[in-house]
Protein backbone atom coordinates (compact mmCIF):
# COMPACT_ATOMS: atom_id res chain seq x y z
CA MET A 1 0.00 0.00 0.00
CA PRO A 2 1.30 3.52 -0.76
CA SER A 3 2.07 6.01 1.97
CA ILE A 4 1.86 9.70 2.73
CA LEU A 5 4.52 10.78 5.20
CA LEU A 6 3.85 13.74 7.51
CA SER A 7 6.42 15.37 9.74
CA PHE A 8 7.39 18.57 11.43
CA VAL A 9 10.86 19.72 10.42
CA GLY A 10 13.53 19.99 13.10
CA GLN A 11 17.03 21.41 13.35
CA GLN A 12 18.52 17.94 12.70
CA ASP A 13 16.78 17.55 9.31
CA PRO A 14 17.69 16.41 6.79
CA VAL A 15 21.14 15.68 8.31
CA SER A 16 22.64 16.63 11.66
CA ASP A 17 25.30 19.30 11.27
CA ASN A 18 27.13 17.94 14.32
CA THR A 19 27.15 14.20 13.67
CA GLN A 20 26.49 14.09 9.92
CA GLU A 21 23.95 11.38 10.69
CA ASP A 22 20.61 11.24 8.89
CA GLY A 23 17.84 13.14 10.63
CA SER A 24 14.61 11.39 11.57
CA ILE A 25 12.77 12.24 8.33
CA VAL A 26 15.44 10.74 6.11
CA SER A 27 15.86 7.79 8.48
CA LEU A 28 12.15 7.05 8.37
CA MET A 29 12.14 7.34 4.59
CA ARG A 30 14.99 4.83 4.34
CA HIS A 31 13.15 2.46 6.69
CA LEU A 32 9.88 2.61 4.75
CA VAL A 33 11.58 2.16 1.37
CA ALA A 34 13.65 -0.77 2.69
CA ALA A 35 10.41 -2.38 3.90
CA GLY A 36 8.98 -2.14 0.38
CA GLN A 37 6.70 0.79 1.16
CA THR A 38 6.03 3.28 -1.64
CA VAL A 39 6.01 6.83 -0.29
CA ARG A 40 4.09 8.76 -2.89
CA HIS A 41 3.92 12.07 -1.03
CA VAL A 42 5.66 13.86 1.84
CA VAL A 43 4.15 16.72 3.86
CA LEU A 44 6.68 18.81 5.78
CA LEU A 45 5.35 21.26 8.38
CA HIS A 46 7.82 23.96 9.32
CA THR A 47 7.95 27.18 11.29
CA ALA A 48 9.56 30.37 10.07
CA GLY A 49 12.70 29.31 11.91
CA THR A 50 12.95 25.90 10.17
CA GLN A 51 12.00 26.96 6.64
CA GLU A 52 15.57 26.60 5.41
CA ARG A 53 15.75 23.10 6.92
CA ALA A 54 12.47 22.20 5.21
CA GLU A 55 13.82 23.32 1.84
CA LEU A 56 17.03 21.35 2.40
CA THR A 57 14.97 18.27 3.30
CA GLN A 58 12.90 18.73 0.17
CA GLY A 59 16.04 18.81 -1.95
CA TRP A 60 17.46 15.78 -0.17
CA LEU A 61 14.30 13.76 -0.85
CA MET A 62 14.42 14.72 -4.53
CA ASP A 63 17.95 13.28 -4.86
CA ALA A 64 19.08 9.65 -4.79
CA PRO A 65 18.07 7.24 -3.47
CA PHE A 66 14.47 8.55 -3.16
CA HIS A 67 14.08 10.57 -6.38
CA LEU A 68 10.77 12.11 -5.32
CA PRO A 69 9.47 14.71 -7.78
CA LYS A 70 9.20 18.22 -6.34
CA GLU A 71 5.41 18.20 -6.64
CA ALA A 72 5.32 15.13 -4.36
CA ILE A 73 6.78 17.15 -1.47
CA THR A 74 4.50 19.75 0.12
CA LEU A 75 5.92 22.37 2.44
CA LEU A 76 3.36 23.77 4.90
CA LEU A 77 4.33 26.87 6.83
CA THR A 78 2.79 26.80 10.31
CA ASN A 79 0.99 29.82 11.69
CA GLU A 80 2.84 32.73 13.23
CA GLY A 81 1.79 31.67 16.72
CA LEU A 82 3.72 28.41 16.58
CA SER A 83 6.73 30.10 14.97
CA ALA A 84 6.80 32.55 17.87
CA ASP A 85 6.06 29.88 20.50
CA PRO A 86 7.26 26.47 19.22
CA VAL A 87 6.77 24.83 22.63
CA ASN A 88 3.02 25.54 22.79
CA LEU A 89 1.33 22.12 22.71
CA LEU A 90 -2.12 23.34 21.66
CA LEU A 91 -0.70 25.28 18.74
CA ALA A 92 1.41 22.30 17.71
CA VAL A 93 -1.62 19.97 17.78
CA ASP A 94 -3.68 22.44 15.74
CA GLU A 95 -0.97 22.66 13.07
CA ALA A 96 -0.46 18.89 13.04
CA ARG A 97 -4.20 18.51 12.54
CA ARG A 98 -4.06 20.97 9.66
CA GLY A 99 -1.39 18.81 8.06
CA LEU A 100 -3.53 15.72 8.61
CA GLU A 101 -6.54 17.40 7.04
CA TRP A 102 -4.44 18.25 3.97
CA ALA A 103 -3.21 14.66 3.72
CA ILE A 104 -6.66 13.15 4.21
CA ALA A 105 -8.09 15.43 1.51
CA HIS A 106 -5.42 14.25 -0.94
CA ARG A 107 -5.23 10.59 0.04
CA THR A 108 -6.63 7.58 -1.78
CA ALA A 109 -8.47 4.76 -0.10
CA GLN A 110 -5.25 2.70 -0.09
CA ASP A 111 -2.91 5.30 1.41
CA ILE A 112 -1.36 4.79 4.83
CA LEU A 113 -0.54 7.94 6.78
CA GLU A 114 2.99 7.70 8.21
CA LEU A 115 3.52 10.18 11.07
CA ASN A 116 7.05 11.02 12.16
CA ALA A 117 7.06 11.71 15.92
CA SER A 118 10.80 12.41 16.13
CA SER A 119 11.30 15.78 14.43
CA GLY A 120 10.69 19.27 15.74
CA THR A 121 10.27 20.47 19.30
CA PRO A 122 9.04 18.02 21.97
CA VAL A 123 5.46 19.29 21.68
CA MET A 124 5.55 18.90 17.89
CA LYS A 125 6.72 15.32 18.32
CA SER A 126 3.91 14.62 20.82
CA ALA A 127 1.20 16.12 18.60
CA TRP A 128 0.99 13.10 16.30
CA SER A 129 0.46 10.60 19.12
CA ILE A 130 -2.17 12.84 20.69
CA LEU A 131 -4.08 13.03 17.41
CA GLN A 132 -3.87 9.28 16.90
CA ALA A 133 -5.13 8.64 20.43
CA ALA A 134 -7.99 11.07 19.79
CA GLY A 135 -9.03 9.21 16.64
CA TYR A 136 -7.89 11.74 14.05
CA VAL A 137 -5.62 9.33 12.17
CA PRO A 138 -7.61 6.89 10.05
CA GLN A 139 -5.37 4.13 8.72
CA GLY A 140 -2.23 5.74 10.10
CA ARG A 141 0.97 4.82 11.96
CA VAL A 142 3.12 6.85 14.32
CA TRP A 143 6.89 6.32 14.08
CA GLN A 144 9.77 7.02 16.42
CA VAL A 145 13.43 7.36 15.34
CA ARG A 146 16.11 6.83 17.97
CA ASN A 147 19.24 8.93 18.31
CA PRO A 148 21.98 6.62 16.93
CA LYS A 149 24.36 7.70 19.72
CA GLU A 150 21.88 6.64 22.42
CA MET A 151 20.80 3.29 21.00
CA ARG A 152 21.37 0.13 23.03
CA GLU A 153 22.16 -3.32 21.73
CA GLY A 154 19.17 -5.01 20.17
CA GLN A 155 17.21 -1.80 19.67
CA GLU A 156 15.93 -0.75 16.27
CA ARG A 157 16.55 2.80 15.16
CA VAL A 158 13.11 3.18 13.59
CA PHE A 159 10.09 1.64 15.31
CA GLN A 160 6.35 2.11 15.41
CA THR A 161 4.64 3.65 18.43
CA ASN A 162 1.18 2.21 19.06
CA VAL A 163 -1.15 4.35 21.15
CA ASP A 164 -4.23 2.32 20.14
CA GLY A 165 -4.52 1.12 23.73
CA LEU A 166 -5.04 4.67 24.94
CA LYS A 167 -7.47 5.39 22.11
CA ASN A 168 -9.36 2.21 22.98
CA GLU A 169 -9.72 3.41 26.56
CA PHE A 170 -11.11 6.75 25.37
CA ASP A 171 -13.49 5.10 22.92
CA LEU A 172 -14.74 2.56 25.46
CA LYS A 173 -15.41 5.28 28.03
CA VAL A 174 -17.41 7.33 25.51
CA ILE A 175 -19.48 4.36 24.31
CA LYS A 176 -20.28 3.23 27.84
CA GLN A 177 -21.43 6.73 28.80
CA GLN A 178 -23.61 6.97 25.68
CA ILE A 179 -25.22 3.65 26.56
CA LYS A 180 -25.72 4.78 30.15
CA ASP A 181 -27.51 7.85 28.77
CA TYR A 182 -29.63 5.61 26.50
CA ASN A 183 -28.07 7.35 23.49
CA TYR A 184 -28.01 4.21 21.39
CA SER A 185 -27.73 5.88 17.99
CA GLY A 186 -24.75 7.92 19.21
CA ALA A 187 -23.11 4.82 20.69
CA LEU A 188 -23.60 2.97 17.41
CA GLU A 189 -21.97 5.74 15.38
CA THR A 190 -19.05 5.89 17.83
CA LEU A 191 -18.73 2.10 17.74
CA LYS A 192 -18.27 2.13 13.96
CA LEU A 193 -15.12 4.25 14.35
CA THR A 194 -13.49 1.96 16.92
CA HIS A 195 -11.97 -1.48 17.25
CA PHE A 196 -15.00 -2.57 19.30
CA ASN A 197 -17.33 -2.86 16.30
CA HIS A 198 -18.52 -6.30 17.35
CA THR A 199 -21.45 -7.84 15.45
CA VAL A 200 -23.58 -8.58 18.51
CA VAL A 201 -22.89 -5.23 20.19
CA ALA A 202 -23.79 -3.35 17.00
CA ALA A 203 -26.94 -5.42 16.53
CA LEU A 204 -28.11 -4.84 20.11
CA LEU A 205 -27.46 -1.11 19.81
CA ARG A 206 -29.58 -1.01 16.64
CA TYR A 207 -32.22 -3.06 18.46
CA ALA A 208 -32.23 -0.66 21.40
CA HIS A 209 -32.40 2.44 19.19
CA CYS A 210 -35.28 1.06 17.12
CA ARG A 211 -37.15 -0.18 20.16
CA PHE A 212 -36.82 3.15 21.96
CA SER A 213 -38.08 4.83 18.77
CA LEU A 214 -41.07 2.41 18.82
CA ASP A 215 -39.89 0.93 15.52
CA PHE A 216 -40.56 -2.62 16.60
CA ASP A 217 -40.14 -4.14 13.15
CA GLY A 218 -36.72 -2.49 12.89
CA ALA A 219 -35.77 -3.79 16.33
CA TYR A 220 -36.83 -7.30 15.34
CA ALA A 221 -34.78 -7.14 12.13
CA ALA A 222 -31.70 -5.95 14.06
CA ILE A 223 -31.40 -9.19 16.05
CA ALA A 224 -33.35 -11.66 13.92
CA LYS A 225 -30.23 -13.40 12.56
CA LEU A 226 -28.01 -13.26 15.63
CA GLY A 227 -28.81 -16.83 16.56
CA ASP A 228 -27.14 -18.11 13.37
CA LEU A 229 -23.83 -16.30 13.83
CA GLY A 230 -22.25 -18.50 16.48
CA THR A 231 -21.55 -15.39 18.55
CA PRO A 232 -22.11 -14.97 22.33
CA PRO A 233 -25.75 -15.74 23.10
CA VAL A 234 -28.23 -12.90 23.30
CA ASP A 235 -30.75 -12.95 26.11
CA PRO A 236 -33.89 -14.60 24.61
CA ARG A 237 -36.05 -12.01 26.35
CA TRP A 238 -35.20 -9.45 23.66
CA HIS A 239 -36.68 -11.72 20.98
CA GLN A 240 -39.68 -12.52 23.17
CA GLU A 241 -40.43 -8.91 24.13
CA ILE A 242 -40.09 -7.51 20.63
CA ALA A 243 -42.38 -10.27 19.33
CA ARG A 244 -45.05 -9.14 21.81
CA LEU A 245 -44.55 -5.49 20.96
CA ARG A 246 -44.92 -6.22 17.24
CA GLN A 247 -48.32 -7.67 18.13
CA SER A 248 -49.22 -4.76 20.42
CA ARG A 249 -52.33 -4.01 18.39
CA LEU A 250 -53.71 -7.30 19.72
CA ASP A 251 -52.85 -6.40 23.30
CA ARG A 252 -52.03 -2.73 23.79
CA ARG A 253 -51.01 -3.27 27.41
CA PHE A 254 -47.49 -4.14 26.27
CA LEU A 255 -47.36 -0.87 24.36
CA LEU A 256 -48.53 1.06 27.44
CA ARG A 257 -45.68 -0.37 29.49
CA GLU A 258 -43.24 0.54 26.74
CA ALA A 259 -44.59 4.10 26.64
CA TYR A 260 -43.97 4.36 30.38
CA PHE A 261 -40.35 3.21 30.01
CA ASN A 262 -39.87 5.74 27.22
CA ALA A 263 -41.15 8.54 29.45
CA LEU A 264 -39.00 7.31 32.35
CA ILE A 265 -35.84 7.53 30.22
CA GLU A 266 -36.67 11.02 28.97
CA TYR A 267 -37.17 12.14 32.57
CA HIS A 268 -33.89 10.50 33.61
CA ASN A 269 -32.06 12.39 30.85
CA GLN A 270 -33.78 15.65 31.85
CA GLN A 271 -35.36 15.91 28.41
CA TYR A 272 -38.48 17.35 29.96
CA ALA A 273 -40.20 18.55 26.80
CA ASP A 274 -39.84 15.05 25.33
CA PHE A 275 -40.98 13.62 28.66
CA LEU A 276 -44.24 15.58 28.41
CA VAL A 277 -44.75 14.30 24.86
CA LYS A 278 -44.20 10.70 25.97
CA LEU A 279 -46.48 11.22 28.98
CA SER A 280 -49.24 12.55 26.72
CA ARG A 281 -48.80 9.57 24.42
CA PHE A 282 -49.10 7.30 27.45
CA GLN A 283 -52.30 8.94 28.66
CA GLU A 284 -53.81 8.81 25.19
CA GLY A 285 -52.88 5.15 24.93
CA VAL A 286 -54.45 4.36 28.30
CA LEU A 287 -57.68 6.14 27.39
CA THR A 288 -57.82 4.41 24.01
CA TYR A 289 -57.25 1.01 25.59
CA LEU A 290 -59.85 1.47 28.32
CA VAL A 291 -62.53 2.88 26.03
CA SER A 292 -61.95 0.31 23.27
CA ASP A 293 -62.07 -2.51 25.81
CA ARG A 294 -65.26 -1.15 27.40
CA LEU A 295 -67.05 -0.57 24.10
CA GLY A 296 -65.83 -3.80 22.57
CA ARG A 297 -64.70 -2.09 19.36
CA LYS A 298 -61.83 -0.10 17.95
CA LEU A 299 -61.90 3.66 17.88
CA PRO A 300 -62.12 5.27 14.42
CA GLU A 301 -58.78 5.67 12.67
CA ARG A 302 -60.12 7.33 9.50
CA TYR A 303 -62.54 10.21 9.16
CA GLU A 304 -65.06 8.12 7.25
CA GLU A 305 -65.32 5.75 10.24
CA CYS A 306 -66.48 8.50 12.61
CA GLU A 307 -70.15 8.49 11.61
CA ALA A 308 -70.54 4.77 12.27
CA PHE A 309 -68.75 5.17 15.60
CA TRP A 310 -71.11 7.86 16.85
CA GLN A 311 -74.12 5.90 15.67
CA PHE A 312 -72.83 3.03 17.78
CA ILE A 313 -72.38 5.34 20.79
CA GLN A 314 -75.95 6.63 20.43
CA GLN A 315 -77.24 3.06 20.72
CA PHE A 316 -74.78 1.82 23.35
CA GLU A 317 -76.56 0.78 26.56
CA GLN A 318 -79.87 2.14 25.33
CA GLY A 319 -78.32 5.55 24.66
CA ASN A 320 -77.34 6.18 28.28
CA LEU A 321 -73.68 6.80 27.45
CA TYR A 322 -74.55 9.24 24.65
CA HIS A 323 -76.95 11.09 26.91
CA PHE A 324 -74.21 11.34 29.55
CA LEU A 325 -71.78 12.74 26.98
CA GLN A 326 -74.31 15.32 25.82
CA GLY A 327 -74.60 16.72 29.31
CA TYR A 328 -70.89 16.50 30.12
CA ARG A 329 -68.92 19.71 30.39
CA PHE A 330 -65.16 19.85 30.03
CA ARG A 331 -63.92 23.06 31.62
CA GLY A 332 -67.36 24.54 31.08
CA ASN A 333 -67.61 23.60 27.41
CA PRO A 334 -69.72 20.85 25.81
CA LEU A 335 -68.00 17.94 24.10
CA THR A 336 -67.63 17.60 20.34
CA LEU A 337 -69.61 14.47 19.46
CA GLN A 338 -69.29 14.20 15.70
CA ARG A 339 -65.60 13.90 14.83
CA PHE A 340 -62.72 11.78 16.10
CA PRO A 341 -63.16 11.15 19.85
CA ASN A 342 -60.63 13.49 21.45
CA ARG A 343 -59.08 13.36 24.90
CA PRO A 344 -61.98 15.09 26.72
CA VAL A 345 -64.46 12.68 25.08
CA LEU A 346 -62.40 9.63 26.06
CA MET A 347 -62.02 10.89 29.61
CA ALA A 348 -65.77 11.44 29.83
CA ILE A 349 -66.42 7.85 28.68
CA VAL A 350 -64.01 6.57 31.33
CA GLU A 351 -65.71 8.74 33.95
CA TYR A 352 -69.12 7.36 32.88
CA ASP A 353 -68.19 3.81 33.83
CA PRO A 354 -67.77 3.22 37.59
CA GLN A 355 -65.39 0.28 37.00
CA PHE A 356 -62.72 2.82 36.02
CA ALA A 357 -63.04 4.87 39.20
CA ASP A 358 -59.81 3.48 40.66
CA VAL A 359 -57.72 4.78 37.73
CA LEU A 360 -59.73 7.90 36.89
CA GLN A 361 -58.01 10.15 39.42
CA SER A 362 -54.57 9.15 38.19
CA ILE A 363 -55.61 9.78 34.60
CA LYS A 364 -56.93 13.22 35.53
CA ALA A 365 -53.70 13.97 37.36
CA LEU A 366 -51.85 13.56 34.05
CA SER A 367 -54.18 15.92 32.20
CA GLU A 368 -52.52 19.10 33.41
CA ALA A 369 -49.17 17.78 32.21
CA CYS A 370 -50.74 17.01 28.84
CA ASP A 371 -51.93 20.61 28.65
CA ARG A 372 -48.37 21.74 29.36
CA ARG A 373 -47.22 19.52 26.52
CA ASN A 374 -49.64 21.27 24.15
CA GLN A 375 -48.40 24.64 25.31
CA VAL A 376 -44.78 23.63 24.76
CA ILE A 377 -45.45 22.40 21.23
CA HIS A 378 -47.82 25.11 19.99
CA ASN A 379 -46.02 28.05 21.60
CA PHE A 380 -42.47 26.83 20.87
CA GLU A 381 -41.69 26.94 24.57
CA GLY A 382 -38.94 25.10 26.37
CA VAL A 383 -39.03 23.15 29.61
CA SER A 384 -35.95 23.26 31.82
CA GLN A 385 -37.46 21.55 34.85
CA ILE A 386 -40.57 19.71 36.03
CA GLU A 387 -41.13 19.99 39.74
CA ASP A 388 -43.88 17.35 39.83
CA GLY A 389 -42.09 14.87 37.57
CA ALA A 390 -41.71 12.22 40.28
CA SER A 391 -45.41 12.50 41.11
CA LEU A 392 -46.38 12.15 37.44
CA LEU A 393 -44.29 8.99 37.13
CA GLN A 394 -45.99 7.66 40.27
CA GLN A 395 -49.40 8.28 38.68
CA MET A 396 -48.30 6.43 35.54
CA ARG A 397 -47.17 3.46 37.64
CA ALA A 398 -50.48 3.50 39.51
CA ILE A 399 -52.37 3.32 36.21
CA LEU A 400 -50.22 0.45 34.94
CA LYS A 401 -50.73 -1.44 38.20
CA LYS A 402 -54.44 -1.50 37.42
CA VAL A 403 -54.34 -1.77 33.63
CA ALA A 404 -51.18 -3.75 32.84
CA PRO A 405 -49.94 -5.37 36.05
CA GLY A 406 -46.46 -6.81 36.30
CA LYS A 407 -42.97 -5.83 37.40
CA LEU A 408 -42.00 -2.38 36.14
CA GLU A 409 -38.31 -3.10 35.65
CA ASN A 410 -36.95 -0.97 32.83
CA PRO A 411 -35.90 -3.40 30.07
CA PHE A 412 -33.45 -0.83 28.70
CA ASP A 413 -31.47 -1.03 31.95
CA ALA A 414 -31.13 -4.79 31.54
CA LEU A 415 -30.20 -4.25 27.91
CA ASN A 416 -27.55 -1.74 28.96
CA GLN A 417 -26.11 -4.24 31.40
CA GLN A 418 -25.77 -6.89 28.69
CA LEU A 419 -24.20 -4.36 26.33
CA GLU A 420 -21.66 -3.40 28.99
CA THR A 421 -20.78 -7.06 29.55
CA LEU A 422 -20.32 -7.66 25.82
CA LEU A 423 -18.22 -4.51 25.48
CA GLY A 424 -16.02 -5.67 28.34
CA THR A 425 -15.41 -9.00 26.61
CA THR A 426 -14.74 -7.29 23.29
CA ALA A 427 -12.42 -4.77 24.94
CA ARG A 428 -10.30 -7.49 26.52
CA SER A 429 -9.83 -9.28 23.20
CA THR A 430 -9.12 -5.97 21.46
CA ILE A 431 -6.49 -5.00 24.01
CA THR A 432 -4.85 -8.41 23.61
CA ALA A 433 -4.82 -8.07 19.83
CA SER A 434 -3.41 -4.55 20.08
CA ALA A 435 -0.64 -5.66 22.41
CA THR A 436 0.36 -8.47 20.04
CA GLY A 437 0.32 -6.14 17.02
CA ILE A 438 -2.64 -7.80 15.31
CA LEU A 439 -4.62 -4.56 15.00
């Protein structure tokens, strides 16, 4: 594979005036060529004080044995700040990154970026390793060149420095935090740029993202084939739960529990506007479930179904329900009894039936929050805090206890725990591979 070599220029390039030994740039070039590597371009970053050295290095690389054409050697003058303060680490990193950006813009898919960490001031030398550890060096290697007068027996003059272990630590910490924050899409994008891009981890992150987005078909597809891969087993509950959620139209109680977990996560992440939206969706779902179950029929989903629905209501229980709705007042106003049954209509139907008395107060307690949700959306308002958030979650749990009983253990927490375990296993194998030079 061809290479692009990047280096700061130091006072010992291209050749030391004191020892007449090759400087690190020339030494690295000799090493790469001897290893059969084709260096098709060289990028030399220099300050105002090392411009002459950069031009000498350019001429040296154009002569035997390298014979690089002049257009294959780019001289990049660093900014005035680094020329005035060549020991400033932040300035050195910024200029090294500028050199990387130039190389990446001119590279091919096959090019390896060779970074010389042995020329320039100490901070210039360190800049390349810092950028590699931070993930700025796709398909790149950092090289060190020893001082020939300080070499010990058995040591190579040119050797590769691998800071992948440090980068792996950074990456793993970021991914774990994203998972802890239920930011599954972010964790998946970060995962793709790391050595931890394990098939099962990626599939579970896609599953979690789709499930949290209520895309149950997408969640099912994400893990449908995992059983055939011979990889670490995935908890069968994820297959079982997503199968039930895909059939939630047959039993909406599973969907109500999922809506509660969604709202719980938004509240945990202090996304209060989204929390109000999820809470409103939960209340609407509860009302729809209770009314549909009581009436023994689905609510209208299309406008042309509304007329038949209201005809049914007029005849239901000898017209008693319809008569109740006609006299019902919601905040002093009569109900609209011709179109889609809205939230006030559904609440009135629930209030009509005494069997719902034990959940009615909790449902009403959520109504004010639903009004706040409408205000947030329609008035483009923000929500920085919700003082009664814990109470609202308690009301949601009380409703579920009556409507969809069962343990309210957040499945996303269990999913996060399995993801963390898988990441730990993957990290250990990655660290081993990195230490043995496989990566």
